[in-house]
Each structure stands twice: as structure tokens, then as C-alpha cells.
């Protein structure tokens, strides 16, 4: 998709942040192209997320 809807970009930028990637549409496309993308999402260890990352995602992505 060349130009996705803004909510899709916001969501995928948040996912990129959680995986320590650059928060951009280009990186989002790379992430989704990974065959193990859904496995990584399902097995993501939320209990070990640093508070700095939690605050970043809350501040930048939860209001959308």
C-alpha cells in the first residue's frame, strides 16, 4: 500500500516502536513483510518492556 490511512500508520508506528525500529511507514512495511511478524506480536514479552518505552508509546500513540 503506497499511502495507507492515517490510523494504520499510527498503529504500525507504535508497533515499530515496541520492536525498537524506526517509526516510519517504510519500516512498518518491512516489519509486516517478515514471515514471523504475527508470531513476534503474539509472543511479545510485555512484562519486560522498559518504562521509557511504555511512556513513549502512551505519549505518542494512545491519543489517536
PDB file of N, CA and C in Angstrom:
ATOM      1  N   UNK A   1       0.859  -1.170   0.000  1.00  0.00           N
ATOM      2  CA  UNK A   1       0.000   0.000   0.000  1.00  0.00           C
ATOM      3  C   UNK A   1       0.907   1.235   0.000  1.00  0.00           C
ATOM      4  N   UNK A   2       0.697   2.077  -0.946  1.00  0.00           N
ATOM      5  CA  UNK A   2       1.553   3.254  -1.090  1.00  0.00           C
ATOM      6  C   UNK A   2       1.230   4.321  -0.053  1.00  0.00           C
ATOM      7  N   UNK A   3      -0.040   4.569   0.166  1.00  0.00           N
ATOM      8  CA  UNK A   3      -0.443   5.626   1.092  1.00  0.00           C
ATOM      9  C   UNK A   3      -1.605   5.121   1.959  1.00  0.00           C
ATOM     10  N   UNK A   4      -1.295   4.461   3.080  1.00  0.00           N
ATOM     11  CA  UNK A   4      -2.338   3.882   3.927  1.00  0.00           C
ATOM     12  C   UNK A   4      -3.089   4.958   4.717  1.00  0.00           C
ATOM     13  N   UNK A   5      -4.239   4.606   5.282  1.00  0.00           N
ATOM     14  CA  UNK A   5      -4.971   5.550   6.118  1.00  0.00           C
ATOM     15  C   UNK A   5      -4.143   5.911   7.359  1.00  0.00           C
ATOM     16  N   UNK A   6      -4.324   7.126   7.854  1.00  0.00           N
ATOM     17  CA  UNK A   6      -3.546   7.603   8.994  1.00  0.00           C
ATOM     18  C   UNK A   6      -3.638   6.667  10.205  1.00  0.00           C
ATOM     19  N   UNK A   7      -4.824   6.139  10.563  1.00  0.00           N
ATOM     20  CA  UNK A   7      -4.865   5.228  11.720  1.00  0.00           C
ATOM     21  C   UNK A   7      -3.956   4.007  11.559  1.00  0.00           C
ATOM     22  N   UNK A   8      -3.817   3.512  10.343  1.00  0.00           N
ATOM     23  CA  UNK A   8      -2.926   2.367  10.106  1.00  0.00           C
ATOM     24  C   UNK A   8      -1.474   2.761  10.330  1.00  0.00           C
ATOM     25  N   UNK A   9      -1.104   3.940   9.871  1.00  0.00           N
ATOM     26  CA  UNK A   9       0.265   4.421  10.066  1.00  0.00           C
ATOM     27  C   UNK A   9       0.558   4.596  11.549  1.00  0.00           C
ATOM     28  N   UNK A  10      -0.364   5.199  12.275  1.00  0.00           N
ATOM     29  CA  UNK A  10      -0.173   5.429  13.710  1.00  0.00           C
ATOM     30  C   UNK A  10       0.005   4.097  14.438  1.00  0.00           C
ATOM     31  N   UNK A  11      -0.865   3.152  14.161  1.00  0.00           N
ATOM     32  CA  UNK A  11      -0.785   1.843  14.807  1.00  0.00           C
ATOM     33  C   UNK A  11       0.541   1.157  14.507  1.00  0.00           C
ATOM     34  N   UNK A  12       0.920   1.131  13.261  1.00  0.00           N
ATOM     35  CA  UNK A  12       2.145   0.430  12.886  1.00  0.00           C
ATOM     36  C   UNK A  12       3.393   1.160  13.357  1.00  0.00           C
ATOM     37  N   UNK A  13       3.343   2.484  13.470  1.00  0.00           N
ATOM     38  CA  UNK A  13       4.469   3.202  14.061  1.00  0.00           C
ATOM     39  C   UNK A  13       4.635   2.817  15.522  1.00  0.00           C
ATOM     40  N   UNK A  14       3.541   2.638  16.226  1.00  0.00           N
ATOM     41  CA  UNK A  14       3.606   2.197  17.620  1.00  0.00           C
ATOM     42  C   UNK A  14       4.207   0.796  17.710  1.00  0.00           C
ATOM     43  N   UNK A  15       3.814  -0.077  16.800  1.00  0.00           N
ATOM     44  CA  UNK A  15       4.367  -1.435  16.788  1.00  0.00           C
ATOM     45  C   UNK A  15       5.872  -1.374  16.502  1.00  0.00           C
ATOM     46  N   UNK A  16       6.285  -0.541  15.567  1.00  0.00           N
ATOM     47  CA  UNK A  16       7.718  -0.379  15.287  1.00  0.00           C
ATOM     48  C   UNK A  16       8.449   0.078  16.546  1.00  0.00           C
ATOM     49  N   UNK A  17       7.865   1.018  17.265  1.00  0.00           N
ATOM     50  CA  UNK A  17       8.497   1.498  18.497  1.00  0.00           C
ATOM     51  C   UNK A  17       8.670   0.346  19.479  1.00  0.00           C
ATOM     52  N   UNK A  18       7.660  -0.487  19.611  1.00  0.00           N
ATOM     53  CA  UNK A  18       7.739  -1.613  20.543  1.00  0.00           C
ATOM     54  C   UNK A  18       8.843  -2.592  20.169  1.00  0.00           C
ATOM     55  N   UNK A  19       9.123  -2.712  18.881  1.00  0.00           N
ATOM     56  CA  UNK A  19      10.159  -3.626  18.420  1.00  0.00           C
ATOM     57  C   UNK A  19      11.508  -2.936  18.240  1.00  0.00           C
ATOM     58  N   UNK A  20      11.607  -1.679  18.671  1.00  0.00           N
ATOM     59  CA  UNK A  20      12.881  -0.972  18.614  1.00  0.00           C
ATOM     60  C   UNK A  20      13.299  -0.553  17.221  1.00  0.00           C
ATOM     61  N   UNK A  21      12.329  -0.377  16.347  1.00  0.00           N
ATOM     62  CA  UNK A  21      12.608   0.018  14.966  1.00  0.00           C
ATOM     63  C   UNK A  21      12.289   1.490  14.779  1.00  0.00           C
ATOM     64  N   UNK A  22      12.796   2.059  13.695  1.00  0.00           N
ATOM     65  CA  UNK A  22      12.443   3.426  13.341  1.00  0.00           C
ATOM     66  C   UNK A  22      10.937   3.484  13.106  1.00  0.00           C
ATOM     67  N   UNK A  23      10.321   4.522  13.586  1.00  0.00           N
ATOM     68  CA  UNK A  23       8.862   4.653  13.485  1.00  0.00           C
ATOM     69  C   UNK A  23       8.508   5.361  12.176  1.00  0.00           C
ATOM     70  N   UNK A  24       8.354   4.562  11.126  1.00  0.00           N
ATOM     71  CA  UNK A  24       8.045   5.105   9.810  1.00  0.00           C
ATOM     72  C   UNK A  24       7.241   4.081   9.015  1.00  0.00           C
ATOM     73  N   UNK A  25       6.590   4.561   7.970  1.00  0.00           N
ATOM     74  CA  UNK A  25       5.813   3.666   7.129  1.00  0.00           C
ATOM     75  C   UNK A  25       6.732   2.675   6.410  1.00  0.00           C
ATOM     76  N   UNK A  26       7.903   3.143   5.990  1.00  0.00           N
ATOM     77  CA  UNK A  26       8.837   2.252   5.307  1.00  0.00           C
ATOM     78  C   UNK A  26       9.268   1.103   6.215  1.00  0.00           C
ATOM     79  N   UNK A  27       9.582   1.387   7.470  1.00  0.00           N
ATOM     80  CA  UNK A  27       9.956   0.334   8.414  1.00  0.00           C
ATOM     81  C   UNK A  27       8.765  -0.558   8.735  1.00  0.00           C
ATOM     82  N   UNK A  28       7.587   0.015   8.773  1.00  0.00           N
ATOM     83  CA  UNK A  28       6.368  -0.768   9.032  1.00  0.00           C
ATOM     84  C   UNK A  28       6.165  -1.815   7.943  1.00  0.00           C
ATOM     85  N   UNK A  29       6.392  -1.416   6.697  1.00  0.00           N
ATOM     86  CA  UNK A  29       6.241  -2.359   5.592  1.00  0.00           C
ATOM     87  C   UNK A  29       7.244  -3.500   5.713  1.00  0.00           C
ATOM     88  N   UNK A  30       8.477  -3.180   6.115  1.00  0.00           N
ATOM     89  CA  UNK A  30       9.489  -4.227   6.312  1.00  0.00           C
ATOM     90  C   UNK A  30       9.068  -5.174   7.429  1.00  0.00           C
ATOM     91  N   UNK A  31       8.550  -4.606   8.496  1.00  0.00           N
ATOM     92  CA  UNK A  31       8.106  -5.410   9.633  1.00  0.00           C
ATOM     93  C   UNK A  31       6.995  -6.362   9.215  1.00  0.00           C
ATOM     94  N   UNK A  32       6.002  -5.853   8.494  1.00  0.00           N
ATOM     95  CA  UNK A  32       4.877  -6.687   8.072  1.00  0.00           C
ATOM     96  C   UNK A  32       5.284  -7.735   7.036  1.00  0.00           C
ATOM     97  N   UNK A  33       6.358  -7.471   6.294  1.00  0.00           N
ATOM     98  CA  UNK A  33       6.821  -8.422   5.285  1.00  0.00           C
ATOM     99  C   UNK A  33       7.517  -9.619   5.917  1.00  0.00           C
ATOM    100  N   UNK A  34       7.923  -9.478   7.163  1.00  0.00           N
ATOM    101  CA  UNK A  34       8.597 -10.565   7.869  1.00  0.00           C
ATOM    102  C   UNK A  34       7.599 -11.696   8.107  1.00  0.00           C
ATOM    103  N   UNK A  35       7.951 -12.888   7.699  1.00  0.00           N
ATOM    104  CA  UNK A  35       7.042 -14.031   7.832  1.00  0.00           C
ATOM    105  C   UNK A  35       6.697 -14.331   9.293  1.00  0.00           C
ATOM    106  N   UNK A  36       7.567 -13.954  10.203  1.00  0.00           N
ATOM    107  CA  UNK A  36       7.348 -14.237  11.626  1.00  0.00           C
ATOM    108  C   UNK A  36       6.674 -13.063  12.347  1.00  0.00           C
ATOM    109  N   UNK A  37       6.182 -12.082  11.603  1.00  0.00           N
ATOM    110  CA  UNK A  37       5.586 -10.882  12.210  1.00  0.00           C
ATOM    111  C   UNK A  37       4.517 -11.221  13.246  1.00  0.00           C
ATOM    112  N   UNK A  38       3.555 -12.039  12.883  1.00  0.00           N
ATOM    113  CA  UNK A  38       2.468 -12.347  13.806  1.00  0.00           C
ATOM    114  C   UNK A  38       2.950 -13.166  14.997  1.00  0.00           C
ATOM    115  N   UNK A  39       3.900 -14.052  14.771  1.00  0.00           N
ATOM    116  CA  UNK A  39       4.482 -14.804  15.887  1.00  0.00           C
ATOM    117  C   UNK A  39       5.167 -13.864  16.873  1.00  0.00           C
ATOM    118  N   UNK A  40       5.901 -12.885  16.335  1.00  0.00           N
ATOM    119  CA  UNK A  40       6.556 -11.904  17.209  1.00  0.00           C
ATOM    120  C   UNK A  40       5.522 -11.099  17.996  1.00  0.00           C
ATOM    121  N   UNK A  41       4.430 -10.758  17.341  1.00  0.00           N
ATOM    122  CA  UNK A  41       3.370  -9.999  18.026  1.00  0.00           C
ATOM    123  C   UNK A  41       2.738 -10.838  19.138  1.00  0.00           C
ATOM    124  N   UNK A  42       2.424 -12.071  18.833  1.00  0.00           N
ATOM    125  CA  UNK A  42       1.768 -12.951  19.802  1.00  0.00           C
ATOM    126  C   UNK A  42       2.673 -13.237  20.986  1.00  0.00           C
ATOM    127  N   UNK A  43       3.963 -13.397  20.734  1.00  0.00           N
ATOM    128  CA  UNK A  43       4.905 -13.769  21.784  1.00  0.00           C
ATOM    129  C   UNK A  43       5.647 -12.588  22.391  1.00  0.00           C
ATOM    130  N   UNK A  44       5.215 -11.376  22.110  1.00  0.00           N
ATOM    131  CA  UNK A  44       5.887 -10.185  22.633  1.00  0.00           C
ATOM    132  C   UNK A  44       5.806 -10.189  24.160  1.00  0.00           C
ATOM    133  N   UNK A  45       6.938  -9.973  24.798  1.00  0.00           N
ATOM    134  CA  UNK A  45       7.012 -10.008  26.263  1.00  0.00           C
ATOM    135  C   UNK A  45       6.697  -8.629  26.848  1.00  0.00           C
ATOM    136  N   UNK A  46       5.424  -8.374  27.096  1.00  0.00           N
ATOM    137  CA  UNK A  46       5.011  -7.072  27.618  1.00  0.00           C
ATOM    138  C   UNK A  46       5.521  -6.826  29.029  1.00  0.00           C
ATOM    139  N   UNK A  47       5.801  -7.878  29.759  1.00  0.00           N
ATOM    140  CA  UNK A  47       6.253  -7.724  31.140  1.00  0.00           C
ATOM    141  C   UNK A  47       7.678  -7.188  31.239  1.00  0.00           C
ATOM    142  N   UNK A  48       8.437  -7.265  30.174  1.00  0.00           N
ATOM    143  CA  UNK A  48       9.817  -6.791  30.239  1.00  0.00           C
ATOM    144  C   UNK A  48      10.037  -5.484  29.473  1.00  0.00           C
ATOM    145  N   UNK A  49       8.960  -4.803  29.117  1.00  0.00           N
ATOM    146  CA  UNK A  49       9.105  -3.532  28.410  1.00  0.00           C
ATOM    147  C   UNK A  49       9.634  -2.473  29.373  1.00  0.00           C
ATOM    148  N   UNK A  50      10.652  -1.723  28.958  1.00  0.00           N
ATOM    149  CA  UNK A  50      11.150  -0.636  29.801  1.00  0.00           C
ATOM    150  C   UNK A  50      10.093   0.463  29.940  1.00  0.00           C
ATOM    151  N   UNK A  51      10.028   1.084  31.102  1.00  0.00           N
ATOM    152  CA  UNK A  51       9.039   2.144  31.325  1.00  0.00           C
ATOM    153  C   UNK A  51       9.216   3.299  30.339  1.00  0.00           C
ATOM    154  N   UNK A  52      10.443   3.555  29.924  1.00  0.00           N
ATOM    155  CA  UNK A  52      10.685   4.618  28.943  1.00  0.00           C
ATOM    156  C   UNK A  52       9.941   4.323  27.640  1.00  0.00           C
ATOM    157  N   UNK A  53       9.944   3.073  27.227  1.00  0.00           N
ATOM    158  CA  UNK A  53       9.237   2.670  26.014  1.00  0.00           C
ATOM    159  C   UNK A  53       7.725   2.767  26.219  1.00  0.00           C
ATOM    160  N   UNK A  54       7.244   2.321  27.360  1.00  0.00           N
ATOM    161  CA  UNK A  54       5.808   2.413  27.667  1.00  0.00           C
ATOM    162  C   UNK A  54       5.352   3.867  27.600  1.00  0.00           C
ATOM    163  N   UNK A  55       6.109   4.758  28.237  1.00  0.00           N
ATOM    164  CA  UNK A  55       5.742   6.188  28.229  1.00  0.00           C
ATOM    165  C   UNK A  55       5.791   6.759  26.818  1.00  0.00           C
ATOM    166  N   UNK A  56       6.780   6.352  26.041  1.00  0.00           N
ATOM    167  CA  UNK A  56       6.885   6.845  24.660  1.00  0.00           C
ATOM    168  C   UNK A  56       5.644   6.452  23.851  1.00  0.00           C
ATOM    169  N   UNK A  57       5.250   5.207  23.938  1.00  0.00           N
ATOM    170  CA  UNK A  57       4.083   4.738  23.186  1.00  0.00           C
ATOM    171  C   UNK A  57       2.816   5.405  23.707  1.00  0.00           C
ATOM    172  N   UNK A  58       2.670   5.515  25.011  1.00  0.00           N
ATOM    173  CA  UNK A  58       1.492   6.183  25.572  1.00  0.00           C
ATOM    174  C   UNK A  58       1.415   7.641  25.124  1.00  0.00           C
ATOM    175  N   UNK A  59       2.536   8.332  25.195  1.00  0.00           N
ATOM    176  CA  UNK A  59       2.569   9.765  24.849  1.00  0.00           C
ATOM    177  C   UNK A  59       2.307  10.012  23.375  1.00  0.00           C
ATOM    178  N   UNK A  60       2.878   9.166  22.527  1.00  0.00           N
ATOM    179  CA  UNK A  60       2.825   9.435  21.092  1.00  0.00           C
ATOM    180  C   UNK A  60       1.716   8.721  20.328  1.00  0.00           C
ATOM    181  N   UNK A  61       1.134   7.670  20.912  1.00  0.00           N
ATOM    182  CA  UNK A  61       0.217   6.873  20.106  1.00  0.00           C
ATOM    183  C   UNK A  61      -1.134   6.555  20.734  1.00  0.00           C
ATOM    184  N   UNK A  62      -1.338   6.745  22.015  1.00  0.00           N
ATOM    185  CA  UNK A  62      -2.608   6.336  22.603  1.00  0.00           C
ATOM    186  C   UNK A  62      -3.722   7.357  22.429  1.00  0.00           C
ATOM    187  N   UNK A  63      -3.409   8.565  22.071  1.00  0.00           N
ATOM    188  CA  UNK A  63      -4.448   9.576  21.891  1.00  0.00           C
ATOM    189  C   UNK A  63      -5.100   9.521  20.517  1.00  0.00           C
ATOM    190  N   UNK A  64      -4.538   8.727  19.633  1.00  0.00           N
ATOM    191  CA  UNK A  64      -5.054   8.659  18.259  1.00  0.00           C
ATOM    192  C   UNK A  64      -6.192   7.699  18.253  1.00  0.00           C
TER     193      UNK A  64
END
